[in-house]
Structures are given as structure tokens and as C-alpha cells.
Amino acid sequence: MANIKSAKKRIKVIETKTARNKAIKSRVKTEVKKVLAAVESGDKAAAKDQLLVATSTIDKAKTKGVYHKKTAARKISRLTKAVNNA
């Protein structure tokens, strides 16, 4: 356990940021699953609608620093490819 006051504060700050990042990543995973489920069911219109939501969520995660910009681009690209091939 940290003894220095600044180190104790850093631990609290890191816990807060970790919780925020986990929530954002969880949201992204949920949206991706919804897109893939729509693709699996063969409902192209629903898949396109879900793709817009998922893309927006991934972009927000990128903006907040949860994902690197290339990671976000890769995720969006793979989802778009899956929807287009459906």
C-alpha cells in the first residue's frame, strides 16, 4: 500500500479511470454483438441500423482515449465488411 499522499491519490484516480474505461469497452462490445446478431439473422436493414450505432460508440471510445485510433478503425472496418457481405 502506498504511504505517500500523492501516490494514494493516484491510486484513487486510476480506479476511477479504470471503471470508466471498462464501462465504455463493455458498451462497445454490446453494440458489436448486436450488429453481428443482426448479420447472423440475415436482417440487412437492422444490421445497417446497428452498424451506425456501433460506429458512433466506437468513435466516442476513440475520442475518449479508450481505444487507439487504428484499433477503432479496424473494428469499424471489420463490422462494415461483415454487414456488406451479409
N, C-alpha and C. Protein backbone atom coordinates (compact mmCIF):
# COMPACT_ATOMS: atom_id res chain seq x y z
N MET A 1 0.84 -1.19 0.00
CA MET A 1 0.00 0.00 0.00
C MET A 1 0.88 1.24 0.00
N ALA A 2 0.44 2.24 -0.70
CA ALA A 2 1.21 3.47 -0.81
C ALA A 2 1.21 4.24 0.51
N ASN A 3 2.32 4.87 0.82
CA ASN A 3 2.43 5.68 2.03
C ASN A 3 2.36 7.17 1.72
N ILE A 4 2.78 7.53 0.53
CA ILE A 4 2.85 8.95 0.15
C ILE A 4 1.47 9.41 -0.30
N LYS A 5 1.12 10.63 0.10
CA LYS A 5 -0.20 11.17 -0.17
C LYS A 5 -0.51 11.22 -1.66
N SER A 6 0.44 11.65 -2.46
CA SER A 6 0.21 11.75 -3.91
C SER A 6 0.02 10.37 -4.54
N ALA A 7 0.73 9.38 -4.02
CA ALA A 7 0.58 8.01 -4.53
C ALA A 7 -0.80 7.46 -4.20
N LYS A 8 -1.31 7.79 -3.00
CA LYS A 8 -2.65 7.36 -2.62
C LYS A 8 -3.69 7.99 -3.54
N LYS A 9 -3.48 9.26 -3.87
CA LYS A 9 -4.41 9.95 -4.76
C LYS A 9 -4.38 9.31 -6.15
N ARG A 10 -3.19 9.00 -6.64
CA ARG A 10 -3.06 8.38 -7.96
C ARG A 10 -3.83 7.06 -8.00
N ILE A 11 -3.77 6.29 -6.93
CA ILE A 11 -4.48 5.01 -6.88
C ILE A 11 -5.98 5.24 -7.04
N LYS A 12 -6.51 6.25 -6.34
CA LYS A 12 -7.94 6.57 -6.45
C LYS A 12 -8.30 7.00 -7.87
N VAL A 13 -7.46 7.85 -8.45
CA VAL A 13 -7.72 8.35 -9.80
C VAL A 13 -7.69 7.21 -10.81
N ILE A 14 -6.73 6.32 -10.66
CA ILE A 14 -6.60 5.18 -11.58
C ILE A 14 -7.83 4.27 -11.47
N GLU A 15 -8.32 4.06 -10.25
CA GLU A 15 -9.52 3.23 -10.07
C GLU A 15 -10.72 3.85 -10.79
N THR A 16 -10.85 5.17 -10.68
CA THR A 16 -11.95 5.86 -11.34
C THR A 16 -11.85 5.73 -12.85
N LYS A 17 -10.66 5.96 -13.38
CA LYS A 17 -10.46 5.87 -14.83
C LYS A 17 -10.66 4.45 -15.34
N THR A 18 -10.22 3.46 -14.55
CA THR A 18 -10.37 2.06 -14.94
C THR A 18 -11.85 1.70 -15.04
N ALA A 19 -12.63 2.15 -14.08
CA ALA A 19 -14.07 1.88 -14.09
C ALA A 19 -14.73 2.51 -15.31
N ARG A 20 -14.34 3.75 -15.63
CA ARG A 20 -14.90 4.45 -16.80
C ARG A 20 -14.55 3.71 -18.08
N ASN A 21 -13.27 3.32 -18.20
CA ASN A 21 -12.83 2.63 -19.41
C ASN A 21 -13.54 1.29 -19.57
N LYS A 22 -13.73 0.57 -18.46
CA LYS A 22 -14.42 -0.72 -18.52
C LYS A 22 -15.85 -0.54 -19.01
N ALA A 23 -16.52 0.49 -18.50
CA ALA A 23 -17.91 0.75 -18.90
C ALA A 23 -17.98 1.05 -20.39
N ILE A 24 -17.05 1.85 -20.88
CA ILE A 24 -17.06 2.23 -22.30
C ILE A 24 -16.77 1.01 -23.17
N LYS A 25 -15.78 0.20 -22.78
CA LYS A 25 -15.44 -1.00 -23.56
C LYS A 25 -16.60 -2.00 -23.56
N SER A 26 -17.27 -2.11 -22.44
CA SER A 26 -18.41 -3.01 -22.34
C SER A 26 -19.52 -2.57 -23.30
N ARG A 27 -19.76 -1.27 -23.34
CA ARG A 27 -20.78 -0.71 -24.25
C ARG A 27 -20.43 -1.01 -25.70
N VAL A 28 -19.15 -0.87 -26.05
CA VAL A 28 -18.71 -1.15 -27.42
C VAL A 28 -18.94 -2.62 -27.75
N LYS A 29 -18.57 -3.50 -26.84
CA LYS A 29 -18.75 -4.93 -27.07
C LYS A 29 -20.22 -5.29 -27.27
N THR A 30 -21.09 -4.67 -26.48
CA THR A 30 -22.52 -4.92 -26.60
C THR A 30 -23.03 -4.51 -27.97
N GLU A 31 -22.63 -3.33 -28.42
CA GLU A 31 -23.07 -2.84 -29.73
C GLU A 31 -22.55 -3.72 -30.86
N VAL A 32 -21.31 -4.18 -30.74
CA VAL A 32 -20.73 -5.06 -31.76
C VAL A 32 -21.51 -6.37 -31.82
N LYS A 33 -21.86 -6.91 -30.66
CA LYS A 33 -22.64 -8.15 -30.62
C LYS A 33 -24.00 -7.98 -31.29
N LYS A 34 -24.61 -6.81 -31.08
CA LYS A 34 -25.90 -6.54 -31.71
C LYS A 34 -25.78 -6.52 -33.23
N VAL A 35 -24.72 -5.93 -33.74
CA VAL A 35 -24.50 -5.89 -35.19
C VAL A 35 -24.32 -7.31 -35.72
N LEU A 36 -23.46 -8.08 -35.06
CA LEU A 36 -23.18 -9.44 -35.53
C LEU A 36 -24.43 -10.33 -35.43
N ALA A 37 -25.26 -10.12 -34.42
CA ALA A 37 -26.50 -10.88 -34.29
C ALA A 37 -27.44 -10.55 -35.45
N ALA A 38 -27.52 -9.27 -35.82
CA ALA A 38 -28.36 -8.86 -36.94
C ALA A 38 -27.85 -9.45 -38.25
N VAL A 39 -26.53 -9.52 -38.39
CA VAL A 39 -25.94 -10.12 -39.60
C VAL A 39 -26.25 -11.61 -39.64
N GLU A 40 -26.13 -12.28 -38.50
CA GLU A 40 -26.40 -13.72 -38.43
C GLU A 40 -27.86 -14.03 -38.77
N SER A 41 -28.77 -13.17 -38.32
CA SER A 41 -30.19 -13.41 -38.57
C SER A 41 -30.56 -13.10 -40.03
N GLY A 42 -29.69 -12.39 -40.72
CA GLY A 42 -29.93 -12.09 -42.13
C GLY A 42 -30.75 -10.84 -42.35
N ASP A 43 -30.99 -10.07 -41.31
CA ASP A 43 -31.77 -8.84 -41.42
C ASP A 43 -30.84 -7.69 -41.77
N LYS A 44 -30.73 -7.40 -43.05
CA LYS A 44 -29.76 -6.42 -43.52
C LYS A 44 -30.09 -4.99 -43.05
N ALA A 45 -31.37 -4.65 -43.03
CA ALA A 45 -31.77 -3.31 -42.61
C ALA A 45 -31.42 -3.08 -41.14
N ALA A 46 -31.72 -4.07 -40.31
CA ALA A 46 -31.39 -3.95 -38.88
C ALA A 46 -29.88 -3.91 -38.67
N ALA A 47 -29.16 -4.69 -39.48
CA ALA A 47 -27.70 -4.71 -39.37
C ALA A 47 -27.11 -3.34 -39.70
N LYS A 48 -27.66 -2.68 -40.73
CA LYS A 48 -27.16 -1.35 -41.10
C LYS A 48 -27.47 -0.33 -40.01
N ASP A 49 -28.66 -0.42 -39.42
CA ASP A 49 -29.02 0.50 -38.33
C ASP A 49 -28.09 0.29 -37.13
N GLN A 50 -27.87 -0.97 -36.79
CA GLN A 50 -27.00 -1.28 -35.66
C GLN A 50 -25.55 -0.87 -35.94
N LEU A 51 -25.17 -0.98 -37.21
CA LEU A 51 -23.81 -0.59 -37.58
C LEU A 51 -23.57 0.90 -37.31
N LEU A 52 -24.58 1.73 -37.61
CA LEU A 52 -24.45 3.16 -37.34
C LEU A 52 -24.26 3.42 -35.84
N VAL A 53 -25.03 2.74 -35.03
CA VAL A 53 -24.93 2.91 -33.58
C VAL A 53 -23.56 2.44 -33.08
N ALA A 54 -23.13 1.28 -33.57
CA ALA A 54 -21.85 0.72 -33.14
C ALA A 54 -20.68 1.61 -33.57
N THR A 55 -20.76 2.12 -34.79
CA THR A 55 -19.70 3.01 -35.29
C THR A 55 -19.60 4.26 -34.42
N SER A 56 -20.74 4.81 -34.08
CA SER A 56 -20.77 6.00 -33.22
C SER A 56 -20.16 5.70 -31.85
N THR A 57 -20.51 4.56 -31.29
CA THR A 57 -20.00 4.18 -29.98
C THR A 57 -18.49 3.97 -30.01
N ILE A 58 -18.00 3.33 -31.06
CA ILE A 58 -16.56 3.10 -31.19
C ILE A 58 -15.82 4.42 -31.36
N ASP A 59 -16.38 5.33 -32.16
CA ASP A 59 -15.76 6.64 -32.34
C ASP A 59 -15.70 7.43 -31.03
N LYS A 60 -16.75 7.33 -30.24
CA LYS A 60 -16.74 8.01 -28.94
C LYS A 60 -15.66 7.43 -28.03
N ALA A 61 -15.52 6.12 -28.05
CA ALA A 61 -14.49 5.47 -27.24
C ALA A 61 -13.10 5.91 -27.70
N LYS A 62 -12.94 6.07 -29.01
CA LYS A 62 -11.66 6.54 -29.57
C LYS A 62 -11.38 7.96 -29.09
N THR A 63 -12.40 8.81 -29.14
CA THR A 63 -12.25 10.21 -28.73
C THR A 63 -11.86 10.32 -27.26
N LYS A 64 -12.41 9.43 -26.45
CA LYS A 64 -12.13 9.48 -25.01
C LYS A 64 -10.82 8.80 -24.63
N GLY A 65 -10.13 8.23 -25.63
CA GLY A 65 -8.83 7.64 -25.37
C GLY A 65 -8.87 6.20 -24.90
N VAL A 66 -10.03 5.58 -25.00
CA VAL A 66 -10.15 4.18 -24.56
C VAL A 66 -9.52 3.26 -25.61
N TYR A 67 -9.75 3.58 -26.88
CA TYR A 67 -9.16 2.82 -27.99
C TYR A 67 -8.22 3.71 -28.78
N HIS A 68 -7.17 3.11 -29.29
CA HIS A 68 -6.27 3.79 -30.22
C HIS A 68 -7.03 4.02 -31.52
N LYS A 69 -6.66 5.05 -32.26
CA LYS A 69 -7.42 5.37 -33.47
C LYS A 69 -7.38 4.26 -34.51
N LYS A 70 -6.27 3.55 -34.60
CA LYS A 70 -6.19 2.46 -35.58
C LYS A 70 -6.98 1.24 -35.12
N THR A 71 -7.04 1.02 -33.83
CA THR A 71 -7.85 -0.08 -33.29
C THR A 71 -9.32 0.19 -33.60
N ALA A 72 -9.74 1.42 -33.38
CA ALA A 72 -11.12 1.80 -33.67
C ALA A 72 -11.42 1.64 -35.16
N ALA A 73 -10.50 2.09 -35.99
CA ALA A 73 -10.68 1.98 -37.44
C ALA A 73 -10.79 0.52 -37.87
N ARG A 74 -9.97 -0.34 -37.27
CA ARG A 74 -10.01 -1.77 -37.60
C ARG A 74 -11.34 -2.39 -37.21
N LYS A 75 -11.83 -2.05 -36.01
CA LYS A 75 -13.11 -2.59 -35.55
C LYS A 75 -14.25 -2.15 -36.48
N ILE A 76 -14.26 -0.87 -36.82
CA ILE A 76 -15.32 -0.35 -37.70
C ILE A 76 -15.23 -1.00 -39.07
N SER A 77 -14.02 -1.16 -39.58
CA SER A 77 -13.82 -1.75 -40.90
C SER A 77 -14.33 -3.19 -40.93
N ARG A 78 -14.02 -3.96 -39.91
CA ARG A 78 -14.45 -5.36 -39.88
C ARG A 78 -15.98 -5.47 -39.76
N LEU A 79 -16.56 -4.60 -38.96
CA LEU A 79 -18.02 -4.62 -38.83
C LEU A 79 -18.69 -4.25 -40.15
N THR A 80 -18.17 -3.20 -40.78
CA THR A 80 -18.74 -2.76 -42.07
C THR A 80 -18.63 -3.86 -43.11
N LYS A 81 -17.50 -4.53 -43.13
CA LYS A 81 -17.29 -5.62 -44.07
C LYS A 81 -18.29 -6.76 -43.82
N ALA A 82 -18.53 -7.07 -42.55
CA ALA A 82 -19.48 -8.14 -42.21
C ALA A 82 -20.89 -7.78 -42.66
N VAL A 83 -21.27 -6.51 -42.45
CA VAL A 83 -22.62 -6.07 -42.86
C VAL A 83 -22.75 -6.08 -44.37
N ASN A 84 -21.73 -5.61 -45.06
CA ASN A 84 -21.79 -5.56 -46.53
C ASN A 84 -21.81 -6.95 -47.17
N ASN A 85 -21.17 -7.90 -46.54
CA ASN A 85 -21.13 -9.27 -47.07
C ASN A 85 -22.36 -10.08 -46.69
N ALA A 86 -23.19 -9.53 -45.82
CA ALA A 86 -24.38 -10.27 -45.37
C ALA A 86 -25.41 -10.36 -46.48
